[in-house]
Protein backbone atom coordinates (compact mmCIF):
# COMPACT_ATOMS: atom_id res chain seq x y z
CA UNK A 1 -3.50 -81.94 59.47
CA UNK A 2 -2.66 -81.69 56.52
CA UNK A 3 -4.41 -79.53 53.98
CA UNK A 4 -5.04 -80.82 50.38
CA UNK A 5 -6.30 -78.65 47.34
CA UNK A 6 -7.91 -81.40 44.51
CA UNK A 7 -9.11 -80.19 41.40
CA UNK A 8 -11.23 -82.35 39.67
CA UNK A 9 -12.63 -83.50 43.09
CA UNK A 10 -16.16 -83.73 41.54
CA UNK A 11 -15.05 -86.19 38.78
CA UNK A 12 -15.37 -89.83 39.03
CA UNK A 13 -11.90 -90.27 40.61
CA UNK A 14 -11.53 -87.00 42.21
CA UNK A 15 -14.45 -88.31 44.56
CA UNK A 16 -13.13 -91.15 45.69
CA UNK A 17 -9.58 -89.43 46.42
CA UNK A 18 -11.85 -87.10 48.43
CA UNK A 19 -13.53 -89.07 50.85
CA UNK A 20 -10.12 -91.17 51.54
CA UNK A 21 -7.56 -88.01 52.17
CA UNK A 22 -10.68 -87.47 54.97
CA UNK A 23 -10.25 -90.31 56.01
CA UNK A 24 -6.58 -90.14 56.30
CA UNK A 25 -7.46 -87.04 58.43
CA UNK A 26 -6.87 -84.11 55.79
CA UNK A 27 -8.70 -81.23 55.33
CA UNK A 28 -9.74 -80.63 51.66
CA UNK A 29 -10.58 -78.04 48.98
CA UNK A 30 -12.04 -79.38 46.54
CA UNK A 31 -13.01 -77.74 42.28
CA UNK A 32 -14.70 -78.05 39.67
CA UNK A 33 -15.94 -76.21 36.35
CA UNK A 34 -19.53 -76.43 36.91
CA UNK A 35 -20.54 -77.28 40.43
CA UNK A 36 -21.95 -80.69 39.81
CA UNK A 37 -21.26 -82.94 42.56
CA UNK A 38 -20.81 -79.87 44.71
CA UNK A 39 -23.42 -81.10 46.99
CA UNK A 40 -21.54 -84.81 47.98
CA UNK A 41 -18.32 -82.98 48.50
CA UNK A 42 -19.87 -81.04 51.20
CA UNK A 43 -21.29 -84.37 52.60
CA UNK A 44 -17.95 -85.88 52.30
CA UNK A 45 -16.59 -83.12 54.42
CA UNK A 46 -14.86 -81.13 51.68
CA UNK A 47 -15.12 -77.52 51.08
CA UNK A 48 -16.14 -77.24 47.13
CA UNK A 49 -14.72 -74.23 44.81
CA UNK A 50 -15.71 -73.49 41.76
CA UNK A 51 -13.35 -72.21 38.98
CA UNK A 52 -12.14 -73.00 35.51
CA UNK A 53 -8.32 -73.52 34.86
CA UNK A 54 -8.28 -72.04 31.48
CA UNK A 55 -9.20 -68.54 32.91
CA UNK A 56 -5.93 -67.08 33.92
CA UNK A 57 -7.23 -64.97 36.80
CA UNK A 58 -9.31 -67.53 37.80
CA UNK A 59 -6.54 -69.60 38.62
CA UNK A 60 -4.85 -67.14 40.57
CA UNK A 61 -8.33 -65.69 42.30
CA UNK A 62 -8.26 -69.50 43.52
CA UNK A 63 -4.86 -69.88 44.90
CA UNK A 64 -4.88 -66.83 46.39
CA UNK A 65 -8.35 -67.75 48.45
CA UNK A 66 -7.37 -71.48 49.68
CA UNK A 67 -3.28 -70.02 51.10
CA UNK A 68 -0.64 -72.22 51.85
CA UNK A 69 -1.52 -76.27 50.62
CA UNK A 70 0.38 -79.27 51.98
CA UNK A 71 -0.56 -80.90 48.47
CA UNK A 72 -2.12 -80.36 44.94
CA UNK A 73 -3.11 -83.42 43.45
CA UNK A 74 -4.76 -82.84 39.53
CA UNK A 75 -7.47 -84.85 38.58
CA UNK A 76 -8.86 -81.84 36.15
CA UNK A 77 -9.61 -83.82 32.58
CA UNK A 78 -12.26 -84.62 29.94
CA UNK A 79 -11.63 -87.72 28.48
CA UNK A 80 -14.66 -88.61 25.81
CA UNK A 81 -16.46 -91.95 26.51
CA UNK A 82 -16.30 -92.93 23.28
CA UNK A 83 -13.58 -93.71 20.67
CA UNK A 84 -14.82 -92.64 17.35
CA UNK A 85 -13.58 -93.84 14.64
CA UNK A 86 -14.45 -90.75 12.33
CA UNK A 87 -14.32 -86.54 14.11
CA UNK A 88 -11.88 -87.72 17.00
CA UNK A 89 -9.41 -84.54 16.94
CA UNK A 90 -12.91 -82.67 18.21
CA UNK A 91 -13.32 -85.14 20.87
CA UNK A 92 -10.14 -84.12 22.21
CA UNK A 93 -10.05 -81.16 21.84
CA UNK A 94 -11.44 -80.10 25.48
CA UNK A 95 -9.33 -82.92 26.93
CA UNK A 96 -5.75 -80.95 25.03
CA UNK A 97 -6.91 -77.47 25.95
CA UNK A 98 -6.94 -78.60 29.68
CA UNK A 99 -3.44 -80.37 29.61
CA UNK A 100 -1.13 -78.07 27.53
CA UNK A 101 -2.97 -74.26 28.87
CA UNK A 102 -4.48 -75.51 32.06
CA UNK A 103 -1.45 -77.22 33.43
CA UNK A 104 0.69 -73.72 32.65
CA UNK A 105 -1.71 -71.58 34.18
CA UNK A 106 -2.09 -73.87 37.36
CA UNK A 107 1.72 -74.59 37.48
CA UNK A 108 2.79 -70.75 37.54
CA UNK A 109 0.36 -70.06 39.49
CA UNK A 110 1.02 -72.48 42.56
CA UNK A 111 4.80 -71.99 42.04
CA UNK A 112 4.39 -68.97 42.84
CA UNK A 113 1.65 -68.83 45.81
CA UNK A 114 0.64 -72.02 47.39
CA UNK A 115 4.15 -73.62 47.40
CA UNK A 116 3.03 -77.05 48.11
CA UNK A 117 5.23 -79.84 49.50
CA UNK A 118 3.83 -82.15 46.40
CA UNK A 119 2.01 -81.44 43.63
CA UNK A 120 0.51 -85.18 41.97
CA UNK A 121 -1.07 -85.32 38.72
CA UNK A 122 -2.48 -88.29 36.46
CA UNK A 123 -1.31 -89.62 33.22
CA UNK A 124 -1.99 -92.01 31.74
CA UNK A 125 0.33 -95.33 30.43
CA UNK A 126 -0.78 -95.57 26.80
CA UNK A 127 1.02 -92.11 25.95
CA UNK A 128 4.17 -94.19 24.68
CA UNK A 129 5.62 -95.02 21.56
CA UNK A 130 5.31 -99.29 21.01
CA UNK A 131 9.12 -98.94 19.67
CA UNK A 132 9.83 -98.05 23.61
CA UNK A 133 12.03 -95.03 23.33
CA UNK A 134 13.58 -94.33 26.67
CA UNK A 135 15.51 -91.93 28.17
CA UNK A 136 18.59 -93.06 28.75
CA UNK A 137 20.31 -91.28 25.94
CA UNK A 138 23.52 -88.95 27.10
CA UNK A 139 21.74 -85.27 27.73
CA UNK A 140 22.51 -84.04 24.75
CA UNK A 141 20.33 -85.76 22.50
CA UNK A 142 18.02 -85.49 25.49
CA UNK A 143 18.05 -81.60 24.81
CA UNK A 144 17.55 -81.79 21.09
CA UNK A 145 14.59 -83.75 21.38
CA UNK A 146 13.26 -81.52 23.51
CA UNK A 147 13.80 -78.46 21.71
CA UNK A 148 11.93 -80.49 18.88
CA UNK A 149 9.14 -81.04 21.31
CA UNK A 150 8.87 -78.03 22.81
CA UNK A 151 8.28 -76.42 18.82
CA UNK A 152 5.76 -79.35 18.47
CA UNK A 153 3.96 -77.50 22.12
CA UNK A 154 4.56 -74.07 20.99
CA UNK A 155 2.15 -75.02 17.31
CA UNK A 156 -0.14 -76.62 19.99
CA UNK A 157 -1.04 -74.13 22.40
CA UNK A 158 -0.79 -71.55 19.14
CA UNK A 159 -4.34 -74.27 17.85
CA UNK A 160 -6.04 -74.63 20.60
CA UNK A 161 -5.43 -70.78 22.47
CA UNK A 162 -5.64 -69.03 19.50
CA UNK A 163 -2.25 -67.14 19.91
CA UNK A 164 1.51 -67.60 20.78
CA UNK A 165 0.75 -68.74 24.15
CA UNK A 166 4.05 -69.91 25.09
CA UNK A 167 5.84 -68.63 28.11
CA UNK A 168 9.47 -69.71 27.24
CA UNK A 169 10.60 -67.98 30.63
CA UNK A 170 8.73 -70.48 32.19
CA UNK A 171 8.71 -73.40 29.88
CA UNK A 172 12.32 -73.22 29.72
CA UNK A 173 12.71 -76.95 31.81
CA UNK A 174 11.43 -77.77 27.95
CA UNK A 175 14.73 -77.94 27.15
CA UNK A 176 16.58 -79.19 30.13
CA UNK A 177 18.13 -83.24 30.89
CA UNK A 178 14.90 -84.93 31.98
CA UNK A 179 16.43 -88.30 32.89
CA UNK A 180 15.88 -88.20 36.29
CA UNK A 181 12.68 -87.13 35.90
CA UNK A 182 10.96 -90.12 33.17
CA UNK A 183 13.43 -92.78 35.18
CA UNK A 184 10.96 -94.43 36.94
CA UNK A 185 8.57 -94.87 33.96
CA UNK A 186 11.43 -95.46 31.81
CA UNK A 187 10.16 -93.72 28.54
CA UNK A 188 8.38 -90.28 27.28
CA UNK A 189 4.98 -89.89 25.16
CA UNK A 190 5.36 -90.25 21.33
CA UNK A 191 4.74 -86.93 20.58
CA UNK A 192 5.91 -87.22 17.30
CA UNK A 193 3.58 -90.19 16.71
CA UNK A 194 3.42 -90.80 12.93
CA UNK A 195 0.47 -92.55 12.62
CA UNK A 196 -2.12 -90.63 13.97
CA UNK A 197 -2.47 -87.21 14.27
CA UNK A 198 -5.35 -87.65 17.16
CA UNK A 199 -2.42 -89.88 19.35
CA UNK A 200 -0.08 -87.25 18.50
CA UNK A 201 -1.83 -84.33 19.79
CA UNK A 202 -3.29 -86.76 22.86
CA UNK A 203 0.22 -87.64 23.32
CA UNK A 204 1.84 -84.34 23.57
CA UNK A 205 -0.37 -82.62 25.93
CA UNK A 206 0.06 -85.54 28.17
CA UNK A 207 3.94 -84.83 27.88
CA UNK A 208 2.97 -81.32 28.96
CA UNK A 209 1.88 -81.83 31.69
CA UNK A 210 4.17 -84.41 32.81
CA UNK A 211 6.96 -82.26 32.49
CA UNK A 212 5.90 -79.08 34.25
CA UNK A 213 4.58 -81.18 37.21
CA UNK A 214 7.90 -83.23 37.35
CA UNK A 215 9.60 -80.10 37.39
CA UNK A 216 8.03 -78.68 39.65
CA UNK A 217 11.14 -77.05 42.34
CA UNK A 218 9.24 -76.30 45.55
CA UNK A 219 8.78 -79.52 46.55
CA UNK A 220 7.81 -83.06 44.97
CA UNK A 221 6.08 -83.46 41.21
CA UNK A 222 4.89 -86.82 40.90
CA UNK A 223 2.88 -87.93 38.13
CA UNK A 224 0.93 -91.24 38.09
CA UNK A 225 0.59 -92.70 34.63
CA UNK A 226 -2.68 -94.53 35.07
CA UNK A 227 -3.82 -97.66 33.02
CA UNK A 228 -6.55 -97.76 31.54
CA UNK A 229 -9.51 -97.05 33.86
CA UNK A 230 -12.25 -100.26 34.20
CA UNK A 231 -15.05 -100.42 37.33
CA UNK A 232 -18.25 -98.55 38.33
CA UNK A 233 -18.51 -95.63 37.00
CA UNK A 234 -16.00 -96.18 33.75
CA UNK A 235 -16.74 -96.78 29.75
CA UNK A 236 -16.43 -101.03 31.15
CA UNK A 237 -18.49 -100.76 34.13
CA UNK A 238 -22.30 -100.86 33.85
CA UNK A 239 -24.24 -98.39 31.61
CA UNK A 240 -20.73 -97.20 30.27
CA UNK A 241 -20.36 -96.46 26.74
CA UNK A 242 -18.16 -99.09 25.59
CA UNK A 243 -20.00 -101.94 27.63
CA UNK A 244 -23.28 -100.44 25.56
CA UNK A 245 -21.58 -100.85 22.47
CA UNK A 246 -20.31 -103.93 22.79
CA UNK A 247 -23.55 -105.40 23.86
CA UNK A 248 -25.05 -103.83 20.92
CA UNK A 249 -22.18 -105.72 18.58
CA UNK A 250 -20.55 -102.11 17.94
CA UNK A 251 -17.22 -102.86 18.76
CA UNK A 252 -14.60 -104.12 16.55
CA UNK A 253 -10.51 -104.73 16.44
CA UNK A 254 -8.85 -102.60 14.31
CA UNK A 255 -5.97 -104.31 13.25
CA UNK A 256 -4.16 -107.81 13.92
CA UNK A 257 -5.44 -106.68 17.59
CA UNK A 258 -1.69 -107.34 19.23
CA UNK A 259 -1.60 -105.02 20.79
CA UNK A 260 -1.24 -104.80 24.64
CA UNK A 261 -3.21 -102.49 27.01
CA UNK A 262 -2.67 -102.03 30.99
CA UNK A 263 -5.77 -101.76 33.20
CA UNK A 264 -6.43 -100.35 36.30
CA UNK A 265 -9.52 -100.65 39.05
CA UNK A 266 -11.03 -96.98 39.64
CA UNK A 267 -10.33 -98.14 43.43
CA UNK A 268 -6.63 -99.20 42.76
CA UNK A 269 -6.09 -95.70 41.45
CA UNK A 270 -8.07 -94.04 44.02
CA UNK A 271 -5.67 -95.73 46.87
CA UNK A 272 -2.51 -95.08 44.14
CA UNK A 273 -3.18 -91.22 44.31
CA UNK A 274 -4.03 -91.14 48.27
CA UNK A 275 -0.84 -92.78 48.46
CA UNK A 276 1.50 -90.73 46.38
CA UNK A 277 -0.23 -87.57 48.61
CA UNK A 278 -0.15 -88.78 51.87
CA UNK A 279 3.25 -91.66 51.92
CA UNK A 280 6.10 -89.42 54.12
CA UNK A 281 8.45 -92.50 53.99
CA UNK A 282 12.01 -91.98 52.81
CA UNK A 283 11.46 -94.62 49.80
CA UNK A 284 8.93 -91.57 48.29
CA UNK A 285 10.52 -90.16 45.34
CA UNK A 286 9.24 -87.19 42.53
CA UNK A 287 9.12 -88.19 38.87
CA UNK A 288 7.03 -90.00 35.95
CA UNK A 289 5.35 -93.33 37.33
CA UNK A 290 3.08 -95.89 35.70
CA UNK A 291 0.60 -97.04 37.77
CA UNK A 292 -1.69 -100.17 36.19
CA UNK A 293 -2.25 -103.79 37.44
CA UNK A 294 -0.45 -107.16 36.61
CA UNK A 295 -2.10 -108.50 33.75
CA UNK A 296 -1.35 -106.60 30.73
CA UNK A 297 -3.18 -108.17 27.53
CA UNK A 298 -3.91 -108.31 23.99
CA UNK A 299 -7.24 -106.61 22.20
CA UNK A 300 -8.18 -109.47 20.60
CA UNK A 301 -7.65 -111.63 24.55
CA UNK A 302 -9.38 -108.99 26.84
CA UNK A 303 -12.40 -107.95 24.33
CA UNK A 304 -13.09 -111.48 23.85
CA UNK A 305 -12.92 -112.17 27.67
CA UNK A 306 -15.09 -108.98 28.08
CA UNK A 307 -17.63 -109.85 25.35
CA UNK A 308 -18.33 -113.53 27.29
CA UNK A 309 -18.49 -111.77 30.69
CA UNK A 310 -21.23 -109.58 30.24
CA UNK A 311 -23.05 -111.54 28.00
CA UNK A 312 -22.42 -110.40 24.61
CA UNK A 313 -23.85 -112.44 21.50
CA UNK A 314 -20.32 -113.04 20.30
CA UNK A 315 -17.01 -111.34 20.08
CA UNK A 316 -16.41 -108.29 17.97
CA UNK A 317 -15.08 -108.56 14.39
CA UNK A 318 -12.19 -107.08 13.06
CA UNK A 319 -11.13 -104.32 10.37
CA UNK A 320 -8.04 -105.00 8.53
CA UNK A 321 -4.91 -103.30 9.21
CA UNK A 322 -4.76 -101.44 5.80
CA UNK A 323 -8.14 -100.19 6.55
CA UNK A 324 -7.97 -99.00 9.97
CA UNK A 325 -4.08 -97.61 9.25
CA UNK A 326 -6.04 -95.47 6.30
CA UNK A 327 -9.57 -94.61 7.71
CA UNK A 328 -9.35 -94.49 11.35
CA UNK A 329 -5.70 -94.61 12.86
CA UNK A 330 -5.98 -94.24 16.22
CA UNK A 331 -7.90 -96.98 16.40
CA UNK A 332 -5.18 -99.36 14.57
CA UNK A 333 -2.72 -97.43 17.42
CA UNK A 334 -4.43 -98.38 20.33
CA UNK A 335 -5.23 -102.20 19.15
CA UNK A 336 -2.88 -102.89 17.37
CA UNK A 337 0.69 -100.97 18.07
CA UNK A 338 0.88 -100.15 22.03
CA UNK A 339 2.53 -101.93 24.53
CA UNK A 340 2.15 -102.85 28.20
CA UNK A 341 3.43 -100.63 30.83
CA UNK A 342 6.41 -101.35 32.78
CA UNK A 343 5.86 -100.88 36.24
CA UNK A 344 7.70 -101.17 39.61
CA UNK A 345 8.72 -97.71 40.17
CA UNK A 346 5.66 -96.69 41.61
CA UNK A 347 4.84 -100.21 44.22
CA UNK A 348 8.59 -99.82 45.54
CA UNK A 349 8.62 -96.14 46.55
CA UNK A 350 4.83 -96.04 48.07
CA UNK A 351 3.88 -99.12 49.03
CA UNK A 352 1.24 -99.59 46.79
CA UNK A 353 0.05 -102.55 44.77
CA UNK A 354 -3.15 -103.85 43.19
CA UNK A 355 -6.10 -105.68 44.87
CA UNK A 356 -9.00 -105.81 42.31
CA UNK A 357 -8.49 -108.61 39.53
CA UNK A 358 -8.63 -108.37 35.65
CA UNK A 359 -10.77 -105.86 34.31
CA UNK A 360 -13.21 -108.60 32.71
CA UNK A 361 -14.20 -110.68 36.47
CA UNK A 362 -16.03 -108.79 37.53
CA UNK A 363 -17.39 -106.08 35.08
CA UNK A 364 -20.18 -104.41 37.08
C-alpha cells in the first residue's frame, strides 16, 4: 500500500485527489494551512496535518514526522477568485510567495528526508508566451536564458521574503540545460513578459515551481500544467465569482478577444493527478506536461457561449486594445494574446483522456 503526502489536501482539487487516492488503496496524509476542511479529510480516511509551507522549520518538522512516503503531491496555491483590472499585483502576492519560497523550502526538505519516488505538482497552461518560445535551442542558449531567469528569481524572492533568500547551491539547477525537462510541454513560462508586471511575476513563480519539481533527483519530478479549471467549486461554477459577475453584466473582453483558452474540468484534473501519482507503467515519464481538454476556444467565442448558457442578459462588452494595454495589460494578455496549449505528452504517457465536455455545457 502506497503512502502519499498531499499538500493542500483541504482545497478544491485536494479533496478530490485525496478521495480517489484512498479509493485506489493509498494511505494519505493531507495538509492544510488553516485546518479548514480537516473534518472532511478525516471522513474520507486521510490523516490531516496543519502546516505552513512558508515556515521552513514547519516544513522540516512535518517531513520529519511523516517520514518516508512513496509520493508527494503538491497542490498548494492561493489563487484569487477574481482577476481585477486594478490592484492585481496584491491579489497574487500570496500565490507568488507560496510558489517561490514555499517550493524551495519543500523541495530542499523532501530531498533530504522523505525522498519519495515521485513528486507531482500543478502549474498552468496559460503561463507561456504567445509566440511559443520553445526548448529547441542549443544548450548554450538555454544556459544563457536560465542565468537571466535565475537573476529575476532572486529579485522576486527579495521582494517577497524581504531578504536575499536565493540559495544558489541548491538552485544551481537553474543554469543547466533543461531541454528534457520541458520536452513534453514544448515551452517555458514567459518570465520576461513585457506586457504586464502581473503576468511576469505570476509566470516567474510558476517557472520556479516547475524547474525545482522537474529537477527532483531521487525519482520522478512531474509537473502538470492544468488548463483553466471549470466545474463545481470553481469561479465558473454555480455561485462562482466569474459566473456572478457575468450574470451582473460586469464582464468585458479586453482587446480584440482572439486569445485562445485551454480549459479543464476539475474532475478531469483530479483524474490526471491521481494517474500521475499511481500509474507505474513503463510509459510513465517525468517532466513538465500540459493537461487540458481538446476544445481550445477564443475569448470571444467562449464568453458568448458561457453568457448564453448561464442565462446572462447579453454577451460581454469590449474594452479597446489601446485602453486595455495601457490600463489593464494583464487582462489584455489573457483576453487577446494567450494561445492554446499543446497537450499530447501526458495522455500518451499516463493513459489519460478528458471525459467532460466544454466549460459552457453544462455550467453547473
